C-alpha atoms as a PDB file:
ATOM      1  CA  MET A   1      92.710 108.116  85.785  1.00  0.00           C
ATOM      2  CA  THR A   2      94.478 105.625  88.003  1.00  0.00           C
ATOM      3  CA  ALA A   3      97.896 105.663  89.597  1.00  0.00           C
ATOM      4  CA  THR A   4     100.668 104.004  87.604  1.00  0.00           C
ATOM      5  CA  GLN A   5     102.191 100.734  88.831  1.00  0.00           C
ATOM      6  CA  ALA A   6     105.447 102.556  89.569  1.00  0.00           C
ATOM      7  CA  GLN A   7     103.570 104.921  91.866  1.00  0.00           C
ATOM      8  CA  ILE A   8     101.586 102.127  93.507  1.00  0.00           C
ATOM      9  CA  ASP A   9     104.818 100.243  94.262  1.00  0.00           C
ATOM     10  CA  THR A  10     105.782 103.081  96.585  1.00  0.00           C
ATOM     11  CA  ILE A  11     102.822 102.486  98.942  1.00  0.00           C
ATOM     12  CA  ASP A  12     103.960 101.453 102.400  1.00  0.00           C
ATOM     13  CA  VAL A  13     101.582  99.765 104.864  1.00  0.00           C
ATOM     14  CA  ARG A  14     102.097  99.722 108.619  1.00  0.00           C
ATOM     15  CA  ILE A  15      99.726  97.616 110.702  1.00  0.00           C
ATOM     16  CA  MET A  16      98.767  99.465 113.860  1.00  0.00           C
ATOM     17  CA  PRO A  17      98.040  97.948 117.281  1.00  0.00           C
ATOM     18  CA  ASP A  18      94.353  97.261 117.790  1.00  0.00           C
ATOM     19  CA  PRO A  19      92.915 100.392 119.453  1.00  0.00           C
ATOM     20  CA  GLU A  20      90.548  98.315 121.577  1.00  0.00           C
ATOM     21  CA  GLU A  21      91.639  95.119 123.268  1.00  0.00           C
ATOM     22  CA  GLY A  22      90.226  93.153 126.136  1.00  0.00           C
ATOM     23  CA  PRO A  23      88.313  90.011 127.026  1.00  0.00           C
ATOM     24  CA  VAL A  24      85.087  89.155 125.212  1.00  0.00           C
ATOM     25  CA  THR A  25      82.150  89.867 127.491  1.00  0.00           C
ATOM     26  CA  PRO A  26      79.490  87.162 128.033  1.00  0.00           C
ATOM     27  CA  ASP A  27      76.681  89.537 127.032  1.00  0.00           C
ATOM     28  CA  GLY A  28      76.061  92.739 125.104  1.00  0.00           C
ATOM     29  CA  PRO A  29      77.300  93.822 121.667  1.00  0.00           C
ATOM     30  CA  LEU A  30      80.894  93.238 120.597  1.00  0.00           C
ATOM     31  CA  ARG A  31      83.262  95.354 118.557  1.00  0.00           C
ATOM     32  CA  SER A  32      86.533  94.567 116.793  1.00  0.00           C
ATOM     33  CA  ILE A  33      88.785  97.180 115.162  1.00  0.00           C
ATOM     34  CA  GLN A  34      91.911  96.747 113.048  1.00  0.00           C
ATOM     35  CA  GLU A  35      93.869  99.644 111.593  1.00  0.00           C
ATOM     36  CA  ALA A  36      96.681 100.308 109.150  1.00  0.00           C
ATOM     37  CA  GLU A  37      98.542 103.449 108.169  1.00  0.00           C
ATOM     38  CA  LEU A  38      99.452 103.844 104.507  1.00  0.00           C
ATOM     39  CA  SER A  39     102.213 106.177 103.307  1.00  0.00           C
ATOM     40  CA  MET A  40     102.576 107.159  99.668  1.00  0.00           C
ATOM     41  CA  PRO A  41     103.722 110.023  97.437  1.00  0.00           C
ATOM     42  CA  ARG A  42     101.343 112.958  97.234  1.00  0.00           C
ATOM     43  CA  ASP A  43     100.694 112.428  93.506  1.00  0.00           C
ATOM     44  CA  THR A  44      99.680 108.820  94.121  1.00  0.00           C
ATOM     45  CA  LEU A  45      97.183 109.755  96.801  1.00  0.00           C
ATOM     46  CA  GLU A  46      95.687 112.553  94.719  1.00  0.00           C
ATOM     47  CA  GLU A  47      94.981 110.118  91.888  1.00  0.00           C
ATOM     48  CA  LEU A  48      93.532 107.484  94.218  1.00  0.00           C
ATOM     49  CA  TRP A  49      91.482 109.847  96.412  1.00  0.00           C
ATOM     50  CA  ASN A  50      88.040 109.657  94.814  1.00  0.00           C
ATOM     51  CA  PRO A  51      84.710 107.872  95.462  1.00  0.00           C
ATOM     52  CA  ALA A  52      85.422 105.240  92.798  1.00  0.00           C
ATOM     53  CA  THR A  53      88.540 104.096  94.666  1.00  0.00           C
ATOM     54  CA  LEU A  54      86.491 103.700  97.856  1.00  0.00           C
ATOM     55  CA  GLU A  55      84.160 101.324  96.037  1.00  0.00           C
ATOM     56  CA  ARG A  56      87.136  99.430  94.576  1.00  0.00           C
ATOM     57  CA  LEU A  57      88.588  99.138  98.091  1.00  0.00           C
ATOM     58  CA  ALA A  58      85.299  97.640  99.274  1.00  0.00           C
ATOM     59  CA  ARG A  59      85.363  95.120  96.408  1.00  0.00           C
ATOM     60  CA  ALA A  60      88.969  94.257  97.295  1.00  0.00           C
ATOM     61  CA  TYR A  61      87.869  93.138 100.761  1.00  0.00           C
ATOM     62  CA  TRP A  62      85.395  90.597  99.417  1.00  0.00           C
ATOM     63  CA  ARG A  63      87.866  89.400  96.794  1.00  0.00           C
ATOM     64  CA  TYR A  64      90.470  88.875  99.522  1.00  0.00           C
ATOM     65  CA  LEU A  65      88.090  86.659 101.536  1.00  0.00           C
ATOM     66  CA  ASN A  66      87.530  84.453  98.519  1.00  0.00           C
ATOM     67  CA  LYS A  67      91.233  84.282  97.716  1.00  0.00           C
ATOM     68  CA  ILE A  68      92.593  83.322 101.135  1.00  0.00           C
ATOM     69  CA  SER A  69      89.880  80.693 101.649  1.00  0.00           C
ATOM     70  CA  PHE A  70      90.865  79.009  98.347  1.00  0.00           C
ATOM     71  CA  GLY A  71      87.366  79.637  97.080  1.00  0.00           C
ATOM     72  CA  LEU A  72      85.584  78.017 100.040  1.00  0.00           C
ATOM     73  CA  LEU A  73      84.141  81.376 101.029  1.00  0.00           C
ATOM     74  CA  LYS A  74      82.017  82.675  98.193  1.00  0.00           C
ATOM     75  CA  ILE A  75      80.476  86.111  97.893  1.00  0.00           C
ATOM     76  CA  GLY A  76      76.999  86.308  96.423  1.00  0.00           C
ATOM     77  CA  TYR A  77      75.268  89.454  95.245  1.00  0.00           C
ATOM     78  CA  GLY A  78      71.542  90.108  95.179  1.00  0.00           C
ATOM     79  CA  ALA A  79      69.124  92.969  94.710  1.00  0.00           C
ATOM     80  CA  THR A  80      68.943  93.641  98.463  1.00  0.00           C
ATOM     81  CA  GLY A  81      72.560  93.018  99.490  1.00  0.00           C
ATOM     82  CA  ARG A  82      75.300  90.439  99.526  1.00  0.00           C
ATOM     83  CA  TYR A  83      76.078  87.277 101.442  1.00  0.00           C
ATOM     84  CA  VAL A  84      79.053  85.142 102.423  1.00  0.00           C
ATOM     85  CA  VAL A  85      78.556  81.417 102.029  1.00  0.00           C
ATOM     86  CA  PHE A  86      80.782  78.499 102.948  1.00  0.00           C
ATOM     87  CA  GLY A  87      81.104  75.905 100.223  1.00  0.00           C
ATOM     88  CA  TRP A  88      77.548  75.977  98.984  1.00  0.00           C
ATOM     89  CA  ARG A  89      74.722  78.475  98.808  1.00  0.00           C
ATOM     90  CA  ARG A  90      72.581  77.046 101.594  1.00  0.00           C
ATOM     91  CA  LEU A  91      75.121  77.687 104.353  1.00  0.00           C
ATOM     92  CA  VAL A  92      74.992  81.474 104.635  1.00  0.00           C
ATOM     93  CA  LEU A  93      77.565  82.577 107.203  1.00  0.00           C
ATOM     94  CA  LEU A  94      76.674  86.244 106.993  1.00  0.00           C
ATOM     95  CA  SER A  95      74.362  88.328 104.861  1.00  0.00           C
ATOM     96  CA  PHE A  96      74.502  92.094 104.552  1.00  0.00           C
ATOM     97  CA  ARG A  97      72.156  94.746 103.309  1.00  0.00           C
ATOM     98  CA  LEU A  98      73.272  97.047 100.492  1.00  0.00           C
ATOM     99  CA  PRO A  99      76.412  99.046 101.278  1.00  0.00           C
ATOM    100  CA  GLU A 100      76.110 102.641 102.436  1.00  0.00           C
ATOM    101  CA  TYR A 101      78.782 105.047 101.169  1.00  0.00           C
ATOM    102  CA  ASP A 102      79.664 108.286 102.897  1.00  0.00           C
ATOM    103  CA  VAL A 103      82.344 110.695 101.673  1.00  0.00           C
ATOM    104  CA  GLY A 104      83.432 114.124 102.802  1.00  0.00           C
ATOM    105  CA  PRO A 105      86.502 116.331 103.154  1.00  0.00           C
ATOM    106  CA  GLY A 106      89.370 114.083 104.128  1.00  0.00           C
ATOM    107  CA  PHE A 107      87.381 110.907 104.721  1.00  0.00           C
ATOM    108  CA  GLY A 108      85.376 108.161 103.096  1.00  0.00           C
ATOM    109  CA  ARG A 109      83.655 105.096 104.489  1.00  0.00           C
ATOM    110  CA  VAL A 110      81.521 102.196 103.402  1.00  0.00           C
ATOM    111  CA  THR A 111      79.185 100.370 105.793  1.00  0.00           C
ATOM    112  CA  TRP A 112      77.489  97.006 105.308  1.00  0.00           C
ATOM    113  CA  PRO A 113      74.625  96.511 107.802  1.00  0.00           C
ATOM    114  CA  ILE A 114      74.508  92.881 108.984  1.00  0.00           C
ATOM    115  CA  GLU A 115      71.216  91.162 108.257  1.00  0.00           C
ATOM    116  CA  ARG A 116      71.493  87.507 109.319  1.00  0.00           C
ATOM    117  CA  GLY A 117      73.533  84.284 109.014  1.00  0.00           C
ATOM    118  CA  VAL A 118      74.607  81.247 111.008  1.00  0.00           C
ATOM    119  CA  LEU A 119      77.290  83.335 112.765  1.00  0.00           C
ATOM    120  CA  VAL A 120      74.746  85.877 114.002  1.00  0.00           C
ATOM    121  CA  ALA A 121      72.732  85.521 117.210  1.00  0.00           C
ATOM    122  CA  GLU A 122      70.452  88.516 116.621  1.00  0.00           C
ATOM    123  CA  ARG A 123      69.234  89.383 113.134  1.00  0.00           C
ATOM    124  CA  GLY A 124      69.370  92.910 111.806  1.00  0.00           C
ATOM    125  CA  ARG A 125      71.982  94.146 114.270  1.00  0.00           C
ATOM    126  CA  GLY A 126      75.588  95.188 113.791  1.00  0.00           C
ATOM    127  CA  TYR A 127      77.624  96.268 110.811  1.00  0.00           C
ATOM    128  CA  LEU A 128      80.926  95.915 108.997  1.00  0.00           C
ATOM    129  CA  ARG A 129      82.652  99.169 108.078  1.00  0.00           C
ATOM    130  CA  ILE A 130      85.797 100.274 106.262  1.00  0.00           C
ATOM    131  CA  ASP A 131      86.779 103.838 107.097  1.00  0.00           C
ATOM    132  CA  VAL A 132      89.493 105.811 105.259  1.00  0.00           C
ATOM    133  CA  ARG A 133      90.885 109.115 106.548  1.00  0.00           C
ATOM    134  CA  ARG A 134      93.691 111.391 105.452  1.00  0.00           C
ATOM    135  CA  LEU A 135      96.239 112.193 108.153  1.00  0.00           C
ATOM    136  CA  GLU A 136      98.618 115.076 108.590  1.00  0.00           C
ATOM    137  CA  PRO A 137     101.860 114.369 106.698  1.00  0.00           C
ATOM    138  CA  ASP A 138     105.016 113.683 108.686  1.00  0.00           C
ATOM    139  CA  PRO A 139     107.179 116.806 108.976  1.00  0.00           C
ATOM    140  CA  GLY A 140     110.170 116.697 106.660  1.00  0.00           C
ATOM    141  CA  ARG A 141     108.786 113.892 104.461  1.00  0.00           C
ATOM    142  CA  ASP A 142     107.247 114.441 101.043  1.00  0.00           C
ATOM    143  CA  GLU A 143     104.598 111.766 101.630  1.00  0.00           C
ATOM    144  CA  GLU A 144     100.940 111.638 102.444  1.00  0.00           C
ATOM    145  CA  ARG A 145      99.456 109.369 105.103  1.00  0.00           C
ATOM    146  CA  VAL A 146      96.102 107.610 105.171  1.00  0.00           C
ATOM    147  CA  ARG A 147      94.548 105.595 107.985  1.00  0.00           C
ATOM    148  CA  ILE A 148      92.326 102.678 107.025  1.00  0.00           C
ATOM    149  CA  ARG A 149      90.171 101.203 109.769  1.00  0.00           C
ATOM    150  CA  ALA A 150      88.180  97.977 109.422  1.00  0.00           C
ATOM    151  CA  MET A 151      85.546  97.548 112.098  1.00  0.00           C
ATOM    152  CA  VAL A 152      82.792  95.168 113.087  1.00  0.00           C
ATOM    153  CA  SER A 153      80.514  96.815 115.638  1.00  0.00           C
ATOM    154  CA  ASN A 154      77.331  96.071 117.578  1.00  0.00           C
ATOM    155  CA  PHE A 155      77.805  92.396 116.729  1.00  0.00           C
ATOM    156  CA  TYR A 156      76.107  89.548 118.599  1.00  0.00           C
ATOM    157  CA  PRO A 157      77.899  86.268 117.766  1.00  0.00           C
ATOM    158  CA  LEU A 158      75.917  83.058 117.893  1.00  0.00           C
ATOM    159  CA  LEU A 159      79.016  81.152 118.960  1.00  0.00           C
ATOM    160  CA  ARG A 160      79.156  83.029 122.260  1.00  0.00           C
ATOM    161  CA  GLY A 161      75.796  81.626 123.307  1.00  0.00           C
ATOM    162  CA  SER A 162      73.738  82.949 126.180  1.00  0.00           C
ATOM    163  CA  GLY A 163      72.860  82.242 129.785  1.00  0.00           C
ATOM    164  CA  TRP A 164      75.241  80.119 131.813  1.00  0.00           C
ATOM    165  CA  PHE A 165      77.035  78.912 128.668  1.00  0.00           C
ATOM    166  CA  ALA A 166      78.022  82.459 127.647  1.00  0.00           C
ATOM    167  CA  ARG A 167      81.036  82.511 129.983  1.00  0.00           C
ATOM    168  CA  ILE A 168      82.431  79.452 128.248  1.00  0.00           C
ATOM    169  CA  GLY A 169      81.165  80.523 124.836  1.00  0.00           C
ATOM    170  CA  SER A 170      82.766  83.958 125.032  1.00  0.00           C
ATOM    171  CA  PHE A 171      86.194  82.355 125.591  1.00  0.00           C
ATOM    172  CA  PHE A 172      85.594  79.850 122.794  1.00  0.00           C
ATOM    173  CA  TYR A 173      84.488  82.637 120.440  1.00  0.00           C
ATOM    174  CA  SER A 174      87.546  84.755 121.277  1.00  0.00           C
ATOM    175  CA  GLN A 175      89.913  81.873 120.479  1.00  0.00           C
ATOM    176  CA  THR A 176      88.232  80.795 117.230  1.00  0.00           C
ATOM    177  CA  GLN A 177      85.955  83.078 115.208  1.00  0.00           C
ATOM    178  CA  LEU A 178      87.309  86.353 116.578  1.00  0.00           C
ATOM    179  CA  ARG A 179      90.943  85.297 116.237  1.00  0.00           C
ATOM    180  CA  ILE A 180      90.375  84.247 112.619  1.00  0.00           C
ATOM    181  CA  HIS A 181      88.595  87.521 111.881  1.00  0.00           C
ATOM    182  CA  VAL A 182      91.495  89.580 113.253  1.00  0.00           C
ATOM    183  CA  LEU A 183      94.097  87.614 111.280  1.00  0.00           C
ATOM    184  CA  VAL A 184      92.091  87.880 108.066  1.00  0.00           C
ATOM    185  CA  THR A 185      91.483  91.604 108.478  1.00  0.00           C
ATOM    186  CA  ARG A 186      95.130  92.347 109.181  1.00  0.00           C
ATOM    187  CA  GLY A 187      96.050  90.272 106.150  1.00  0.00           C
ATOM    188  CA  PHE A 188      93.669  92.296 104.009  1.00  0.00           C
ATOM    189  CA  LEU A 189      95.116  95.578 105.251  1.00  0.00           C
ATOM    190  CA  ARG A 190      98.638  94.319 104.594  1.00  0.00           C
ATOM    191  CA  SER A 191      97.653  93.270 101.069  1.00  0.00           C
ATOM    192  CA  LEU A 192      96.889  96.889 100.182  1.00  0.00           C
ATOM    193  CA  GLU A 193     100.629  97.451  99.820  1.00  0.00           C
ATOM    194  CA  SER A 194     100.353  95.863  96.369  1.00  0.00           C
ATOM    195  CA  GLY A 195      97.919  98.555  95.243  1.00  0.00           C
ATOM    196  CA  ASP A 196      95.960  95.868  93.408  1.00  0.00           C
ATOM    197  CA  LEU A 197      92.332  96.963  93.610  1.00  0.00           C
ATOM    198  CA  PRO A 198      89.722  95.189  91.484  1.00  0.00           C
ATOM    199  CA  PRO A 199      88.026  97.204  88.750  1.00  0.00           C
ATOM    200  CA  LEU A 200      84.501  98.469  89.057  1.00  0.00           C
ATOM    201  CA  ARG A 201      81.635  96.747  87.329  1.00  0.00           C
ATOM    202  CA  PRO A 202      81.150  98.342  83.901  1.00  0.00           C
ATOM    203  CA  GLU A 203      77.844  99.943  84.824  1.00  0.00           C
ATOM    204  CA  ARG A 204      79.303 101.494  87.978  1.00  0.00           C
ATOM    205  CA  GLU A 205      82.348 102.775  86.110  1.00  0.00           C
ATOM    206  CA  ALA A 206      80.031 104.405  83.566  1.00  0.00           C
ATOM    207  CA  GLU A 207      78.123 106.113  86.406  1.00  0.00           C
ATOM    208  CA  TYR A 208      81.314 107.589  87.868  1.00  0.00           C
ATOM    209  CA  GLU A 209      82.504 108.729  84.452  1.00  0.00           C
ATOM    210  CA  ALA A 210      79.165 110.412  83.792  1.00  0.00           C
ATOM    211  CA  ALA A 211      79.322 112.159  87.159  1.00  0.00           C
ATOM    212  CA  ASP A 212      82.797 113.501  86.322  1.00  0.00           C
ATOM    213  CA  GLU A 213      81.676 115.004  83.008  1.00  0.00           C
ATOM    214  CA  PRO A 214      81.087 118.760  82.899  1.00  0.00           C
ATOM    215  CA  ALA A 215      77.389 119.650  82.933  1.00  0.00           C
ATOM    216  CA  GLU A 216      77.514 121.085  79.397  1.00  0.00           C
ATOM    217  CA  ALA A 217      79.067 117.880  78.068  1.00  0.00           C
ATOM    218  CA  ARG A 218      76.362 115.737  79.689  1.00  0.00           C
ATOM    219  CA  GLY A 219      73.741 117.945  78.075  1.00  0.00           C
ATOM    220  CA  ARG A 220      75.110 117.182  74.626  1.00  0.00           C
ATOM    221  CA  ASN A 221      74.990 113.385  75.135  1.00  0.00           C
END
């Protein structure tokens, strides 16, 4: 079951200040975090709060990249992960290993370990993560709140460079690649107000439906 469009139209998104700000260091791993707080009726959240929605949220991120780049950024899928290419297949900006899903009481997150790409200085280090957590409702309001955090962590950008150039490269990276990343991520979080999440692939939808069936019903199939 999915929330109706009338319910989805009541989702409100508030972009939060970045919890970590400061100059880009000339060495060591980097981290960038963007957050949004979503408010919605309790019934809407109850219908959306399931593992399938987390996977649809993850798919929405990649769809958003393709959309805002007018198709210049393409997302490819393979047996061992996915990759982001610019214009044509040979120029792989970033490649990721298969996503790792983790769900529990009041939270869900999906993590894509970074593998390689022309934007990466050190292969096999860093990750992209989307983390969703339920918050305490505001007193006196019949709404539920959810915090969505998008984070890139332990990232070593090639653009920053190394050695004596790193002091110049770190400034250049902060004003170009990092600035674009922040704008894109905030745009993605803001787009969630529409409630338009892409559907699952048919085989994945079938897996979730099978998991939701009572054990006795699965035994009869």
